[in-house]
Amino acid sequence: MLHFELVTPERLVRSEDVYMVVVPGTEGDFGVLEGHAPLMSTIRDGELSIYRTQGAAPETIRIEGGFAEVNAKGLTVLAETAA
């Protein structure tokens, strides 16, 4: 499982283990699975899609601006806002 955190300046919105997250990057959407290569990207306003298990329908969260970082610990999305 991939450890995923969604953080805004006000609070930690999510911290959980999931199957996959699709992030709206400024260069296009990208999916992150467990074991993804290290990556940093700016994000554009859009929908973050969270897949809790393989084949499950995604949960979406609207985010605006920020950065995404993938490292050995998982995926962290630092968004300006999340609704």
PDB file of N, CA and C in Angstrom:
ATOM      1  N   MET A   1       0.838  -1.188   0.000  1.00  0.00           N
ATOM      2  CA  MET A   1       0.000   0.000   0.000  1.00  0.00           C
ATOM      3  C   MET A   1       0.882   1.251   0.000  1.00  0.00           C
ATOM      4  N   LEU A   2       0.346   2.313  -0.552  1.00  0.00           N
ATOM      5  CA  LEU A   2       1.021   3.600  -0.645  1.00  0.00           C
ATOM      6  C   LEU A   2       0.572   4.484   0.522  1.00  0.00           C
ATOM      7  N   HIS A   3       1.526   5.049   1.258  1.00  0.00           N
ATOM      8  CA  HIS A   3       1.148   5.984   2.318  1.00  0.00           C
ATOM      9  C   HIS A   3       0.923   7.347   1.680  1.00  0.00           C
ATOM     10  N   PHE A   4      -0.258   7.934   1.913  1.00  0.00           N
ATOM     11  CA  PHE A   4      -0.669   9.189   1.291  1.00  0.00           C
ATOM     12  C   PHE A   4      -1.043  10.212   2.348  1.00  0.00           C
ATOM     13  N   GLU A   5      -0.525  11.434   2.178  1.00  0.00           N
ATOM     14  CA  GLU A   5      -0.909  12.541   3.057  1.00  0.00           C
ATOM     15  C   GLU A   5      -1.291  13.736   2.208  1.00  0.00           C
ATOM     16  N   LEU A   6      -2.398  14.363   2.577  1.00  0.00           N
ATOM     17  CA  LEU A   6      -2.849  15.608   1.962  1.00  0.00           C
ATOM     18  C   LEU A   6      -2.837  16.673   3.045  1.00  0.00           C
ATOM     19  N   VAL A   7      -2.065  17.740   2.809  1.00  0.00           N
ATOM     20  CA  VAL A   7      -1.855  18.771   3.816  1.00  0.00           C
ATOM     21  C   VAL A   7      -2.161  20.142   3.218  1.00  0.00           C
ATOM     22  N   THR A   8      -2.858  20.982   3.984  1.00  0.00           N
ATOM     23  CA  THR A   8      -3.053  22.385   3.624  1.00  0.00           C
ATOM     24  C   THR A   8      -2.363  23.230   4.698  1.00  0.00           C
ATOM     25  N   PRO A   9      -2.216  24.535   4.480  1.00  0.00           N
ATOM     26  CA  PRO A   9      -1.594  25.363   5.520  1.00  0.00           C
ATOM     27  C   PRO A   9      -2.349  25.305   6.852  1.00  0.00           C
ATOM     28  N   GLU A  10      -3.639  25.017   6.811  1.00  0.00           N
ATOM     29  CA  GLU A  10      -4.443  25.000   8.037  1.00  0.00           C
ATOM     30  C   GLU A  10      -4.403  23.679   8.789  1.00  0.00           C
ATOM     31  N   ARG A  11      -4.287  22.543   8.034  1.00  0.00           N
ATOM     32  CA  ARG A  11      -4.429  21.255   8.729  1.00  0.00           C
ATOM     33  C   ARG A  11      -3.978  20.077   7.870  1.00  0.00           C
ATOM     34  N   LEU A  12      -3.838  18.946   8.535  1.00  0.00           N
ATOM     35  CA  LEU A  12      -3.627  17.676   7.860  1.00  0.00           C
ATOM     36  C   LEU A  12      -5.010  17.165   7.455  1.00  0.00           C
ATOM     37  N   VAL A  13      -5.271  17.087   6.159  1.00  0.00           N
ATOM     38  CA  VAL A  13      -6.591  16.693   5.662  1.00  0.00           C
ATOM     39  C   VAL A  13      -6.727  15.175   5.641  1.00  0.00           C
ATOM     40  N   ARG A  14      -5.700  14.466   5.165  1.00  0.00           N
ATOM     41  CA  ARG A  14      -5.724  13.009   5.090  1.00  0.00           C
ATOM     42  C   ARG A  14      -4.361  12.436   5.409  1.00  0.00           C
ATOM     43  N   SER A  15      -4.342  11.282   6.035  1.00  0.00           N
ATOM     44  CA  SER A  15      -3.138  10.501   6.241  1.00  0.00           C
ATOM     45  C   SER A  15      -3.590   9.049   6.303  1.00  0.00           C
ATOM     46  N   GLU A  16      -3.345   8.310   5.216  1.00  0.00           N
ATOM     47  CA  GLU A  16      -3.849   6.940   5.139  1.00  0.00           C
ATOM     48  C   GLU A  16      -3.063   6.135   4.115  1.00  0.00           C
ATOM     49  N   ASP A  17      -3.213   4.830   4.182  1.00  0.00           N
ATOM     50  CA  ASP A  17      -2.622   3.936   3.197  1.00  0.00           C
ATOM     51  C   ASP A  17      -3.670   3.629   2.139  1.00  0.00           C
ATOM     52  N   VAL A  18      -3.300   3.822   0.866  1.00  0.00           N
ATOM     53  CA  VAL A  18      -4.215   3.632  -0.254  1.00  0.00           C
ATOM     54  C   VAL A  18      -3.527   2.825  -1.347  1.00  0.00           C
ATOM     55  N   TYR A  19      -4.303   2.433  -2.354  1.00  0.00           N
ATOM     56  CA  TYR A  19      -3.741   1.689  -3.482  1.00  0.00           C
ATOM     57  C   TYR A  19      -3.030   2.639  -4.455  1.00  0.00           C
ATOM     58  N   MET A  20      -3.722   3.742  -4.848  1.00  0.00           N
ATOM     59  CA  MET A  20      -3.166   4.656  -5.838  1.00  0.00           C
ATOM     60  C   MET A  20      -3.804   6.033  -5.687  1.00  0.00           C
ATOM     61  N   VAL A  21      -3.043   7.067  -6.062  1.00  0.00           N
ATOM     62  CA  VAL A  21      -3.556   8.434  -6.101  1.00  0.00           C
ATOM     63  C   VAL A  21      -3.199   9.025  -7.464  1.00  0.00           C
ATOM     64  N   VAL A  22      -4.161   9.692  -8.101  1.00  0.00           N
ATOM     65  CA  VAL A  22      -3.906  10.400  -9.348  1.00  0.00           C
ATOM     66  C   VAL A  22      -3.905  11.892  -9.028  1.00  0.00           C
ATOM     67  N   VAL A  23      -2.789  12.542  -9.346  1.00  0.00           N
ATOM     68  CA  VAL A  23      -2.537  13.936  -8.982  1.00  0.00           C
ATOM     69  C   VAL A  23      -2.619  14.817 -10.235  1.00  0.00           C
ATOM     70  N   PRO A  24      -3.302  15.976 -10.150  1.00  0.00           N
ATOM     71  CA  PRO A  24      -3.332  16.897 -11.286  1.00  0.00           C
ATOM     72  C   PRO A  24      -2.058  17.753 -11.348  1.00  0.00           C
ATOM     73  N   GLY A  25      -1.034  17.223 -11.979  1.00  0.00           N
ATOM     74  CA  GLY A  25       0.231  17.950 -12.102  1.00  0.00           C
ATOM     75  C   GLY A  25       0.139  19.043 -13.149  1.00  0.00           C
ATOM     76  N   THR A  26       1.023  20.026 -13.081  1.00  0.00           N
ATOM     77  CA  THR A  26       0.994  21.117 -14.060  1.00  0.00           C
ATOM     78  C   THR A  26       1.345  20.626 -15.464  1.00  0.00           C
ATOM     79  N   GLU A  27       2.084  19.527 -15.566  1.00  0.00           N
ATOM     80  CA  GLU A  27       2.444  18.956 -16.867  1.00  0.00           C
ATOM     81  C   GLU A  27       1.480  17.851 -17.286  1.00  0.00           C
ATOM     82  N   GLY A  28       0.436  17.619 -16.495  1.00  0.00           N
ATOM     83  CA  GLY A  28      -0.538  16.570 -16.781  1.00  0.00           C
ATOM     84  C   GLY A  28      -0.757  15.712 -15.553  1.00  0.00           C
ATOM     85  N   ASP A  29      -1.849  14.957 -15.563  1.00  0.00           N
ATOM     86  CA  ASP A  29      -2.159  14.077 -14.435  1.00  0.00           C
ATOM     87  C   ASP A  29      -1.139  12.948 -14.358  1.00  0.00           C
ATOM     88  N   PHE A  30      -0.817  12.522 -13.141  1.00  0.00           N
ATOM     89  CA  PHE A  30       0.069  11.364 -12.969  1.00  0.00           C
ATOM     90  C   PHE A  30      -0.408  10.517 -11.804  1.00  0.00           C
ATOM     91  N   GLY A  31      -0.296   9.207 -11.982  1.00  0.00           N
ATOM     92  CA  GLY A  31      -0.697   8.260 -10.950  1.00  0.00           C
ATOM     93  C   GLY A  31       0.501   7.824 -10.132  1.00  0.00           C
ATOM     94  N   VAL A  32       0.268   7.621  -8.841  1.00  0.00           N
ATOM     95  CA  VAL A  32       1.336   7.183  -7.942  1.00  0.00           C
ATOM     96  C   VAL A  32       0.885   5.903  -7.248  1.00  0.00           C
ATOM     97  N   LEU A  33       1.685   4.853  -7.405  1.00  0.00           N
ATOM     98  CA  LEU A  33       1.482   3.570  -6.745  1.00  0.00           C
ATOM     99  C   LEU A  33       2.628   3.348  -5.767  1.00  0.00           C
ATOM    100  N   GLU A  34       2.487   2.364  -4.896  1.00  0.00           N
ATOM    101  CA  GLU A  34       3.569   1.993  -3.988  1.00  0.00           C
ATOM    102  C   GLU A  34       4.821   1.685  -4.803  1.00  0.00           C
ATOM    103  N   GLY A  35       5.966   2.169  -4.339  1.00  0.00           N
ATOM    104  CA  GLY A  35       7.230   1.902  -5.015  1.00  0.00           C
ATOM    105  C   GLY A  35       7.548   2.866  -6.145  1.00  0.00           C
ATOM    106  N   HIS A  36       6.760   3.921  -6.308  1.00  0.00           N
ATOM    107  CA  HIS A  36       6.997   4.915  -7.361  1.00  0.00           C
ATOM    108  C   HIS A  36       8.367   5.556  -7.167  1.00  0.00           C
ATOM    109  N   ALA A  37       9.015   5.904  -8.257  1.00  0.00           N
ATOM    110  CA  ALA A  37      10.307   6.591  -8.202  1.00  0.00           C
ATOM    111  C   ALA A  37      10.137   7.964  -7.541  1.00  0.00           C
ATOM    112  N   PRO A  38      11.162   8.452  -6.854  1.00  0.00           N
ATOM    113  CA  PRO A  38      11.080   9.779  -6.235  1.00  0.00           C
ATOM    114  C   PRO A  38      10.748  10.845  -7.283  1.00  0.00           C
ATOM    115  N   LEU A  39       9.913  11.804  -6.880  1.00  0.00           N
ATOM    116  CA  LEU A  39       9.420  12.816  -7.817  1.00  0.00           C
ATOM    117  C   LEU A  39       8.940  14.030  -7.044  1.00  0.00           C
ATOM    118  N   MET A  40       9.152  15.204  -7.618  1.00  0.00           N
ATOM    119  CA  MET A  40       8.529  16.429  -7.095  1.00  0.00           C
ATOM    120  C   MET A  40       7.853  17.104  -8.273  1.00  0.00           C
ATOM    121  N   SER A  41       6.651  17.641  -8.050  1.00  0.00           N
ATOM    122  CA  SER A  41       5.911  18.297  -9.116  1.00  0.00           C
ATOM    123  C   SER A  41       5.038  19.400  -8.535  1.00  0.00           C
ATOM    124  N   THR A  42       4.871  20.471  -9.299  1.00  0.00           N
ATOM    125  CA  THR A  42       3.861  21.448  -8.935  1.00  0.00           C
ATOM    126  C   THR A  42       2.514  20.880  -9.383  1.00  0.00           C
ATOM    127  N   ILE A  43       1.450  21.319  -8.715  1.00  0.00           N
ATOM    128  CA  ILE A  43       0.125  20.823  -9.081  1.00  0.00           C
ATOM    129  C   ILE A  43      -0.749  21.985  -9.523  1.00  0.00           C
ATOM    130  N   ARG A  44      -1.692  21.673 -10.404  1.00  0.00           N
ATOM    131  CA  ARG A  44      -2.637  22.681 -10.867  1.00  0.00           C
ATOM    132  C   ARG A  44      -3.967  22.476 -10.140  1.00  0.00           C
ATOM    133  N   ASP A  45      -4.844  23.440 -10.238  1.00  0.00           N
ATOM    134  CA  ASP A  45      -6.179  23.294  -9.669  1.00  0.00           C
ATOM    135  C   ASP A  45      -6.878  22.128 -10.365  1.00  0.00           C
ATOM    136  N   GLY A  46      -7.490  21.245  -9.575  1.00  0.00           N
ATOM    137  CA  GLY A  46      -8.172  20.103 -10.176  1.00  0.00           C
ATOM    138  C   GLY A  46      -8.610  19.095  -9.135  1.00  0.00           C
ATOM    139  N   GLU A  47      -8.936  17.910  -9.631  1.00  0.00           N
ATOM    140  CA  GLU A  47      -9.428  16.837  -8.780  1.00  0.00           C
ATOM    141  C   GLU A  47      -8.312  15.842  -8.476  1.00  0.00           C
ATOM    142  N   LEU A  48      -8.104  15.573  -7.206  1.00  0.00           N
ATOM    143  CA  LEU A  48      -7.201  14.530  -6.739  1.00  0.00           C
ATOM    144  C   LEU A  48      -8.052  13.269  -6.617  1.00  0.00           C
ATOM    145  N   SER A  49      -7.650  12.179  -7.270  1.00  0.00           N
ATOM    146  CA  SER A  49      -8.426  10.928  -7.222  1.00  0.00           C
ATOM    147  C   SER A  49      -7.715   9.916  -6.340  1.00  0.00           C
ATOM    148  N   ILE A  50      -8.424   9.418  -5.331  1.00  0.00           N
ATOM    149  CA  ILE A  50      -7.850   8.486  -4.361  1.00  0.00           C
ATOM    150  C   ILE A  50      -8.521   7.125  -4.524  1.00  0.00           C
ATOM    151  N   TYR A  51      -7.724   6.119  -4.861  1.00  0.00           N
ATOM    152  CA  TYR A  51      -8.209   4.746  -5.009  1.00  0.00           C
ATOM    153  C   TYR A  51      -7.791   3.965  -3.776  1.00  0.00           C
ATOM    154  N   ARG A  52      -8.739   3.603  -2.947  1.00  0.00           N
ATOM    155  CA  ARG A  52      -8.428   2.886  -1.703  1.00  0.00           C
ATOM    156  C   ARG A  52      -7.955   1.454  -1.971  1.00  0.00           C
ATOM    157  N   THR A  53      -8.540   0.799  -2.956  1.00  0.00           N
ATOM    158  CA  THR A  53      -8.141  -0.557  -3.340  1.00  0.00           C
ATOM    159  C   THR A  53      -8.136  -0.659  -4.861  1.00  0.00           C
ATOM    160  N   GLN A  54      -7.428  -1.653  -5.368  1.00  0.00           N
ATOM    161  CA  GLN A  54      -7.363  -1.853  -6.815  1.00  0.00           C
ATOM    162  C   GLN A  54      -8.756  -2.148  -7.351  1.00  0.00           C
ATOM    163  N   GLY A  55      -9.150  -1.452  -8.406  1.00  0.00           N
ATOM    164  CA  GLY A  55     -10.448  -1.679  -9.019  1.00  0.00           C
ATOM    165  C   GLY A  55     -11.601  -0.921  -8.384  1.00  0.00           C
ATOM    166  N   ALA A  56     -11.367  -0.267  -7.250  1.00  0.00           N
ATOM    167  CA  ALA A  56     -12.427   0.482  -6.571  1.00  0.00           C
ATOM    168  C   ALA A  56     -12.658   1.811  -7.284  1.00  0.00           C
ATOM    169  N   ALA A  57     -13.871   2.343  -7.157  1.00  0.00           N
ATOM    170  CA  ALA A  57     -14.160   3.676  -7.686  1.00  0.00           C
ATOM    171  C   ALA A  57     -13.389   4.705  -6.862  1.00  0.00           C
ATOM    172  N   PRO A  58     -12.846   5.739  -7.506  1.00  0.00           N
ATOM    173  CA  PRO A  58     -12.053   6.713  -6.756  1.00  0.00           C
ATOM    174  C   PRO A  58     -12.908   7.696  -5.962  1.00  0.00           C
ATOM    175  N   GLU A  59     -12.329   8.165  -4.868  1.00  0.00           N
ATOM    176  CA  GLU A  59     -12.883   9.298  -4.133  1.00  0.00           C
ATOM    177  C   GLU A  59     -12.135  10.513  -4.664  1.00  0.00           C
ATOM    178  N   THR A  60     -12.837  11.619  -4.927  1.00  0.00           N
ATOM    179  CA  THR A  60     -12.162  12.801  -5.446  1.00  0.00           C
ATOM    180  C   THR A  60     -12.226  13.943  -4.434  1.00  0.00           C
ATOM    181  N   ILE A  61     -11.140  14.695  -4.402  1.00  0.00           N
ATOM    182  CA  ILE A  61     -11.051  15.882  -3.547  1.00  0.00           C
ATOM    183  C   ILE A  61     -10.558  17.025  -4.435  1.00  0.00           C
ATOM    184  N   ARG A  62     -11.256  18.135  -4.415  1.00  0.00           N
ATOM    185  CA  ARG A  62     -10.859  19.316  -5.188  1.00  0.00           C
ATOM    186  C   ARG A  62      -9.692  19.993  -4.475  1.00  0.00           C
ATOM    187  N   ILE A  63      -8.591  20.195  -5.211  1.00  0.00           N
ATOM    188  CA  ILE A  63      -7.434  20.883  -4.637  1.00  0.00           C
ATOM    189  C   ILE A  63      -7.061  22.065  -5.521  1.00  0.00           C
ATOM    190  N   GLU A  64      -6.377  23.024  -4.915  1.00  0.00           N
ATOM    191  CA  GLU A  64      -5.912  24.194  -5.651  1.00  0.00           C
ATOM    192  C   GLU A  64      -4.463  24.480  -5.289  1.00  0.00           C
ATOM    193  N   GLY A  65      -3.624  24.555  -6.307  1.00  0.00           N
ATOM    194  CA  GLY A  65      -2.227  24.934  -6.162  1.00  0.00           C
ATOM    195  C   GLY A  65      -1.426  24.072  -5.214  1.00  0.00           C
ATOM    196  N   GLY A  66      -0.117  24.195  -5.297  1.00  0.00           N
ATOM    197  CA  GLY A  66       0.747  23.498  -4.355  1.00  0.00           C
ATOM    198  C   GLY A  66       1.769  22.607  -5.014  1.00  0.00           C
ATOM    199  N   PHE A  67       2.211  21.604  -4.260  1.00  0.00           N
ATOM    200  CA  PHE A  67       3.266  20.694  -4.685  1.00  0.00           C
ATOM    201  C   PHE A  67       2.921  19.260  -4.308  1.00  0.00           C
ATOM    202  N   ALA A  68       3.487  18.320  -5.036  1.00  0.00           N
ATOM    203  CA  ALA A  68       3.389  16.902  -4.695  1.00  0.00           C
ATOM    204  C   ALA A  68       4.810  16.349  -4.614  1.00  0.00           C
ATOM    205  N   GLU A  69       5.049  15.526  -3.601  1.00  0.00           N
ATOM    206  CA  GLU A  69       6.358  14.890  -3.455  1.00  0.00           C
ATOM    207  C   GLU A  69       6.169  13.400  -3.226  1.00  0.00           C
ATOM    208  N   VAL A  70       6.893  12.611  -4.019  1.00  0.00           N
ATOM    209  CA  VAL A  70       6.930  11.162  -3.827  1.00  0.00           C
ATOM    210  C   VAL A  70       8.329  10.816  -3.355  1.00  0.00           C
ATOM    211  N   ASN A  71       8.409  10.071  -2.237  1.00  0.00           N
ATOM    212  CA  ASN A  71       9.699   9.601  -1.745  1.00  0.00           C
ATOM    213  C   ASN A  71       9.512   8.191  -1.187  1.00  0.00           C
ATOM    214  N   ALA A  72      10.523   7.680  -0.517  1.00  0.00           N
ATOM    215  CA  ALA A  72      10.456   6.316   0.011  1.00  0.00           C
ATOM    216  C   ALA A  72       9.331   6.131   1.024  1.00  0.00           C
ATOM    217  N   LYS A  73       8.895   7.210   1.669  1.00  0.00           N
ATOM    218  CA  LYS A  73       7.827   7.123   2.671  1.00  0.00           C
ATOM    219  C   LYS A  73       6.433   7.154   2.052  1.00  0.00           C
ATOM    220  N   GLY A  74       6.320   7.603   0.786  1.00  0.00           N
ATOM    221  CA  GLY A  74       5.017   7.656   0.132  1.00  0.00           C
ATOM    222  C   GLY A  74       4.808   8.961  -0.610  1.00  0.00           C
ATOM    223  N   LEU A  75       3.538   9.379  -0.721  1.00  0.00           N
ATOM    224  CA  LEU A  75       3.147  10.585  -1.444  1.00  0.00           C
ATOM    225  C   LEU A  75       2.621  11.628  -0.470  1.00  0.00           C
ATOM    226  N   THR A  76       3.164  12.845  -0.575  1.00  0.00           N
ATOM    227  CA  THR A  76       2.653  13.966   0.191  1.00  0.00           C
ATOM    228  C   THR A  76       2.220  15.045  -0.786  1.00  0.00           C
ATOM    229  N   VAL A  77       0.971  15.493  -0.659  1.00  0.00           N
ATOM    230  CA  VAL A  77       0.457  16.599  -1.458  1.00  0.00           C
ATOM    231  C   VAL A  77       0.273  17.794  -0.530  1.00  0.00           C
ATOM    232  N   LEU A  78       0.980  18.874  -0.837  1.00  0.00           N
ATOM    233  CA  LEU A  78       0.876  20.120  -0.083  1.00  0.00           C
ATOM    234  C   LEU A  78       0.056  21.071  -0.933  1.00  0.00           C
ATOM    235  N   ALA A  79      -1.232  21.212  -0.621  1.00  0.00           N
ATOM    236  CA  ALA A  79      -2.136  22.028  -1.422  1.00  0.00           C
ATOM    237  C   ALA A  79      -2.470  23.332  -0.719  1.00  0.00           C
ATOM    238  N   GLU A  80      -2.699  24.367  -1.507  1.00  0.00           N
ATOM    239  CA  GLU A  80      -3.118  25.650  -0.933  1.00  0.00           C
ATOM    240  C   GLU A  80      -4.494  25.519  -0.297  1.00  0.00           C
ATOM    241  N   THR A  81      -5.417  24.816  -0.992  1.00  0.00           N
ATOM    242  CA  THR A  81      -6.729  24.522  -0.442  1.00  0.00           C
ATOM    243  C   THR A  81      -7.167  23.138  -0.864  1.00  0.00           C
ATOM    244  N   ALA A  82      -8.026  22.516  -0.061  1.00  0.00           N
ATOM    245  CA  ALA A  82      -8.608  21.215  -0.370  1.00  0.00           C
ATOM    246  C   ALA A  82     -10.046  21.210   0.141  1.00  0.00           C
ATOM    247  N   ALA A  83     -10.980  20.824  -0.733  1.00  0.00           N
ATOM    248  CA  ALA A  83     -12.387  20.811  -0.339  1.00  0.00           C
ATOM    249  C   ALA A  83     -13.017  19.465  -0.634  1.00  0.00           C
TER     250      ALA A  83
END
